[in-house]
Amino acid sequence: MKTALVTGAARGIGLATSGQLTEQGWRVIMLDRDVETLTEAVHSVEGAVACEADVSSPEDATRVANWLGSEFGRLDGLVNNAGVADFGPIRETSFERWKTVMATNLDGPFLMTQALTALLSGGDGGAVVNITSISGLRASTLRVAYGTSKAGLAQLTLQQAAELGELGIRVNAVAPGPVDTKLALAVHTPDIRAAYHDAIPLNRYGSEEEIAAAITFLLSDKASYITGQILAADGGFQATGIGLPSLRS
């Protein structure tokens, strides 16, 4: 049985990914720093194991790697999904806010992948999927820290793929577009949702399950010759340019 670690697994895309991997026969370790929510979430994923940790902590990354090594001996998949969403104007983004976003969104995937490289390189080699964002591929307002962190993660994905491929480890990323998460439903007003719908060729938000399907594909043997790729799961949002809604009408 293959084993995967999913970070930020207590809710949203991480939880959906954990569920799909379990359905596909994987053993799943669900990692999150929100203990209360993680404890509840792990009970909804059959056979999953909970792991409390903060991905931005080098000490936690090392502790998790040591525990996984002693408990399972190897790791076949790593999903670096944990992230912080902090939106605001550049002039109102303090350095503390900037550092908080970078610590989880960029430092976390670096630390976790580095700490787990030895376990991922065992056997036939493992696969890593980093969760970036469409905000790392195209700029928009209020995302100076978030968008920059995700752009950095996209480049980190390429760096990891180039170097870790020698160890048989594949590294790819999924860049979600607007997704119907609880956070989006809470902060996206009707006019914001309408604007997104106009800008997306598929004319709708994606679902957590659709993003999870892209992630589990990249982890699977079906993607065995795919590495160093950024897959935009965004309904075509990245492909469109300014003026598309007007051209439609």
Protein backbone atom coordinates (compact mmCIF):
# COMPACT_ATOMS: atom_id res chain seq x y z
CA MET A 1 0.00 0.00 0.00
CA LYS A 2 1.33 3.44 -0.94
CA THR A 3 1.56 6.12 1.73
CA ALA A 4 0.92 9.84 1.27
CA LEU A 5 1.25 12.84 3.55
CA VAL A 6 -1.17 15.72 2.94
CA THR A 7 -0.51 19.02 4.69
CA GLY A 8 -3.29 21.46 5.49
CA ALA A 9 -5.56 18.44 5.49
CA ALA A 10 -8.12 19.49 8.08
CA ARG A 11 -10.38 21.24 5.58
CA GLY A 12 -10.95 22.24 1.98
CA ILE A 13 -8.72 20.92 -0.80
CA GLY A 14 -6.49 19.02 1.64
CA LEU A 15 -9.44 17.16 3.13
CA ALA A 16 -10.91 16.39 -0.31
CA THR A 17 -7.51 15.10 -1.49
CA SER A 18 -7.15 12.89 1.57
CA GLY A 19 -10.55 11.35 0.91
CA GLN A 20 -9.85 10.66 -2.76
CA LEU A 21 -6.45 9.12 -2.04
CA THR A 22 -8.03 6.79 0.51
CA GLU A 23 -10.65 5.75 -2.01
CA GLN A 24 -7.82 4.98 -4.46
CA GLY A 25 -6.13 2.65 -1.98
CA TRP A 26 -3.54 4.93 -0.41
CA ARG A 27 -2.67 5.11 3.27
CA VAL A 28 -3.04 8.79 4.17
CA ILE A 29 -1.45 10.85 6.91
CA MET A 30 -3.38 14.09 7.41
CA LEU A 31 -1.22 16.92 8.78
CA ASP A 32 -2.47 20.21 10.17
CA ARG A 33 -1.69 22.63 13.00
CA ASP A 34 -5.39 23.11 13.83
CA VAL A 35 -5.72 20.18 16.22
CA GLU A 36 -9.43 20.51 16.90
CA THR A 37 -10.46 20.64 13.24
CA LEU A 38 -7.94 17.95 12.28
CA THR A 39 -9.28 15.58 14.93
CA GLU A 40 -12.77 15.96 13.52
CA ALA A 41 -11.65 15.72 9.89
CA VAL A 42 -9.57 12.57 10.28
CA HIS A 43 -12.64 10.66 11.46
CA SER A 44 -14.31 11.38 8.11
CA VAL A 45 -11.50 9.74 6.11
CA GLU A 46 -11.42 5.99 6.58
CA GLY A 47 -8.09 4.70 7.83
CA ALA A 48 -6.42 8.12 7.88
CA VAL A 49 -3.85 9.02 10.51
CA ALA A 50 -3.66 12.46 12.11
CA CYS A 51 -0.38 14.34 12.49
CA GLU A 52 -0.20 17.67 14.32
CA ALA A 53 2.56 19.92 13.00
CA ASP A 54 3.35 23.40 11.69
CA VAL A 55 4.95 23.17 8.24
CA SER A 56 6.75 26.49 8.74
CA SER A 57 8.76 25.03 11.62
CA PRO A 58 12.06 23.31 10.74
CA GLU A 59 11.84 21.40 14.00
CA ASP A 60 8.36 20.11 13.17
CA ALA A 61 9.47 19.10 9.68
CA THR A 62 12.32 17.06 11.12
CA ARG A 63 10.07 15.54 13.78
CA VAL A 64 7.49 14.49 11.17
CA ALA A 65 10.19 12.96 8.96
CA ASN A 66 11.63 10.96 11.85
CA TRP A 67 8.19 9.75 12.89
CA LEU A 68 7.20 8.73 9.35
CA GLY A 69 10.49 6.91 8.91
CA SER A 70 10.09 4.88 12.08
CA GLU A 71 6.38 4.25 11.58
CA PHE A 72 6.18 3.53 7.83
CA GLY A 73 9.75 3.32 6.52
CA ARG A 74 9.04 5.22 3.31
CA LEU A 75 6.77 7.81 1.71
CA ASP A 76 5.28 7.61 -1.77
CA GLY A 77 3.45 10.93 -2.00
CA LEU A 78 3.64 14.40 -0.47
CA VAL A 79 1.01 17.09 -1.01
CA ASN A 80 2.21 20.51 0.14
CA ASN A 81 -1.22 22.07 0.52
CA ALA A 82 -0.99 24.03 3.78
CA GLY A 83 -1.37 27.72 3.07
CA VAL A 84 -2.26 31.11 4.51
CA ALA A 85 -4.57 33.48 2.62
CA ASP A 86 -3.95 37.09 3.60
CA PHE A 87 -5.26 39.71 1.21
CA GLY A 88 -4.76 43.46 1.43
CA PRO A 89 -3.32 46.54 -0.29
CA ILE A 90 0.46 46.76 -0.56
CA ARG A 91 0.59 49.88 1.62
CA GLU A 92 -1.35 48.11 4.38
CA THR A 93 0.65 44.87 4.31
CA SER A 94 3.01 44.95 7.25
CA PHE A 95 6.26 43.04 7.19
CA GLU A 96 4.86 40.74 9.88
CA ARG A 97 1.90 39.85 7.62
CA TRP A 98 4.31 39.33 4.72
CA LYS A 99 6.52 37.01 6.78
CA THR A 100 3.55 35.01 8.07
CA VAL A 101 2.34 34.28 4.54
CA MET A 102 5.82 33.40 3.27
CA ALA A 103 6.52 31.14 6.26
CA THR A 104 3.64 28.78 5.50
CA ASN A 105 3.17 29.17 1.74
CA LEU A 106 6.81 29.07 0.64
CA ASP A 107 9.02 28.02 3.55
CA GLY A 108 6.65 25.16 4.40
CA PRO A 109 6.92 23.29 1.08
CA PHE A 110 10.70 23.83 1.08
CA LEU A 111 11.12 22.48 4.61
CA MET A 112 8.73 19.54 4.26
CA THR A 113 10.09 18.37 0.91
CA GLN A 114 13.67 18.70 2.08
CA ALA A 115 13.00 16.81 5.31
CA LEU A 116 11.14 14.02 3.49
CA THR A 117 13.43 13.61 0.47
CA ALA A 118 15.14 10.52 1.87
CA LEU A 119 11.80 8.78 2.47
CA LEU A 120 10.45 9.83 -0.93
CA SER A 121 13.48 8.49 -2.77
CA GLY A 122 13.02 4.95 -1.49
CA GLY A 123 11.78 2.16 -3.75
CA ASP A 124 10.58 3.38 -7.13
CA GLY A 125 10.70 7.02 -6.07
CA GLY A 126 7.90 9.22 -4.81
CA ALA A 127 5.90 12.17 -6.06
CA VAL A 128 5.41 15.66 -4.66
CA VAL A 129 2.54 17.99 -5.55
CA ASN A 130 2.78 21.61 -4.43
CA ILE A 131 -0.43 23.62 -4.32
CA THR A 132 0.27 27.01 -5.83
CA SER A 133 -2.49 29.29 -7.13
CA ILE A 134 -3.60 31.10 -10.22
CA SER A 135 -2.56 34.17 -8.18
CA GLY A 136 1.05 33.00 -8.61
CA LEU A 137 0.68 32.95 -12.40
CA ARG A 138 -1.16 36.23 -12.95
CA ALA A 139 -1.23 39.35 -10.81
CA SER A 140 -4.31 40.88 -9.24
CA THR A 141 -5.03 43.45 -6.58
CA LEU A 142 -4.68 42.82 -2.84
CA ARG A 143 -2.42 39.78 -3.24
CA VAL A 144 1.09 41.17 -2.85
CA ALA A 145 2.12 38.62 -0.22
CA TYR A 146 -0.12 35.74 -1.24
CA GLY A 147 0.52 36.02 -4.99
CA THR A 148 4.26 36.44 -4.53
CA SER A 149 4.44 33.43 -2.21
CA LYS A 150 2.61 31.29 -4.75
CA ALA A 151 4.78 32.52 -7.62
CA GLY A 152 7.80 31.58 -5.54
CA LEU A 153 6.30 28.15 -4.93
CA ALA A 154 5.86 27.65 -8.67
CA GLN A 155 9.58 28.31 -9.17
CA LEU A 156 10.45 26.12 -6.18
CA THR A 157 8.51 23.34 -7.91
CA LEU A 158 10.74 23.63 -10.98
CA GLN A 159 13.89 23.70 -8.85
CA GLN A 160 12.79 20.63 -6.90
CA ALA A 161 11.86 18.77 -10.09
CA ALA A 162 15.21 19.53 -11.72
CA GLU A 163 17.25 18.31 -8.77
CA LEU A 164 15.15 15.59 -7.17
CA GLY A 165 14.46 13.87 -10.47
CA GLU A 166 17.91 12.32 -10.13
CA LEU A 167 16.54 10.49 -7.09
CA GLY A 168 13.45 9.31 -8.93
CA ILE A 169 11.21 11.90 -7.27
CA ARG A 170 8.68 13.69 -9.47
CA VAL A 171 7.62 17.21 -8.44
CA ASN A 172 4.67 19.03 -9.96
CA ALA A 173 2.23 21.72 -8.87
CA VAL A 174 -1.48 22.38 -9.18
CA ALA A 175 -2.55 26.02 -9.45
CA PRO A 176 -6.22 26.28 -8.54
CA GLY A 177 -8.37 29.09 -9.85
CA PRO A 178 -11.44 30.31 -7.95
CA VAL A 179 -12.78 27.38 -5.92
CA ASP A 180 -15.99 27.06 -3.93
CA THR A 181 -14.34 26.74 -0.53
CA LYS A 182 -15.93 27.97 2.69
CA LEU A 183 -13.48 30.88 2.64
CA ALA A 184 -14.49 31.92 -0.88
CA LEU A 185 -18.17 31.63 -0.07
CA ALA A 186 -17.63 33.83 2.98
CA VAL A 187 -15.60 36.63 1.39
CA HIS A 188 -16.68 36.70 -2.27
CA THR A 189 -19.66 38.99 -2.66
CA PRO A 190 -22.24 38.35 -5.41
CA ASP A 191 -20.64 40.98 -7.65
CA ILE A 192 -17.19 39.42 -7.18
CA ARG A 193 -18.57 35.99 -8.04
CA ALA A 194 -20.29 37.40 -11.12
CA ALA A 195 -17.05 39.04 -12.26
CA TYR A 196 -15.15 35.77 -11.86
CA HIS A 197 -17.83 33.89 -13.78
CA ASP A 198 -17.51 36.38 -16.64
CA ALA A 199 -13.73 35.95 -16.73
CA ILE A 200 -13.70 32.14 -16.61
CA PRO A 201 -14.43 30.31 -19.89
CA LEU A 202 -16.28 27.54 -18.02
CA ASN A 203 -18.33 30.29 -16.36
CA ARG A 204 -18.21 28.86 -12.83
CA TYR A 205 -16.06 28.24 -9.79
CA GLY A 206 -14.31 24.91 -9.41
CA SER A 207 -14.97 22.44 -6.62
CA GLU A 208 -12.59 21.10 -4.01
CA GLU A 209 -13.13 17.62 -5.47
CA GLU A 210 -12.05 18.79 -8.95
CA ILE A 211 -8.80 20.21 -7.59
CA ALA A 212 -8.23 17.03 -5.58
CA ALA A 213 -8.67 14.96 -8.75
CA ALA A 214 -5.84 16.88 -10.43
CA ILE A 215 -3.63 16.36 -7.39
CA THR A 216 -4.25 12.63 -7.12
CA PHE A 217 -3.60 12.22 -10.85
CA LEU A 218 -0.16 13.82 -10.51
CA LEU A 219 0.62 11.54 -7.57
CA SER A 220 -0.46 8.43 -9.46
CA ASP A 221 1.48 6.10 -11.72
CA LYS A 222 -0.55 7.49 -14.63
CA ALA A 223 1.65 10.59 -14.36
CA SER A 224 4.89 8.61 -14.10
CA TYR A 225 6.65 10.63 -16.84
CA ILE A 226 5.35 14.04 -15.78
CA THR A 227 7.53 16.29 -13.64
CA GLY A 228 8.32 19.99 -13.39
CA GLN A 229 4.84 21.03 -14.51
CA ILE A 230 2.41 23.63 -13.17
CA LEU A 231 -1.14 22.44 -13.90
CA ALA A 232 -3.67 25.27 -13.76
CA ALA A 233 -6.98 23.79 -12.62
CA ASP A 234 -8.88 27.01 -13.16
CA GLY A 235 -11.66 26.57 -15.70
CA GLY A 236 -9.51 28.36 -18.29
CA PHE A 237 -9.06 31.52 -16.18
CA GLN A 238 -5.33 31.83 -16.94
CA ALA A 239 -5.90 31.37 -20.65
CA THR A 240 -8.17 34.39 -20.99
CA GLY A 241 -7.13 37.98 -21.56
CA ILE A 242 -8.56 41.39 -20.87
CA GLY A 243 -11.78 42.04 -22.73
CA LEU A 244 -13.08 38.48 -22.95
CA PRO A 245 -16.40 39.22 -21.18
CA SER A 246 -17.06 42.11 -23.59
CA LEU A 247 -16.23 39.96 -26.59
CA ARG A 248 -18.72 37.34 -25.40
CA SER A 249 -21.53 39.84 -25.35
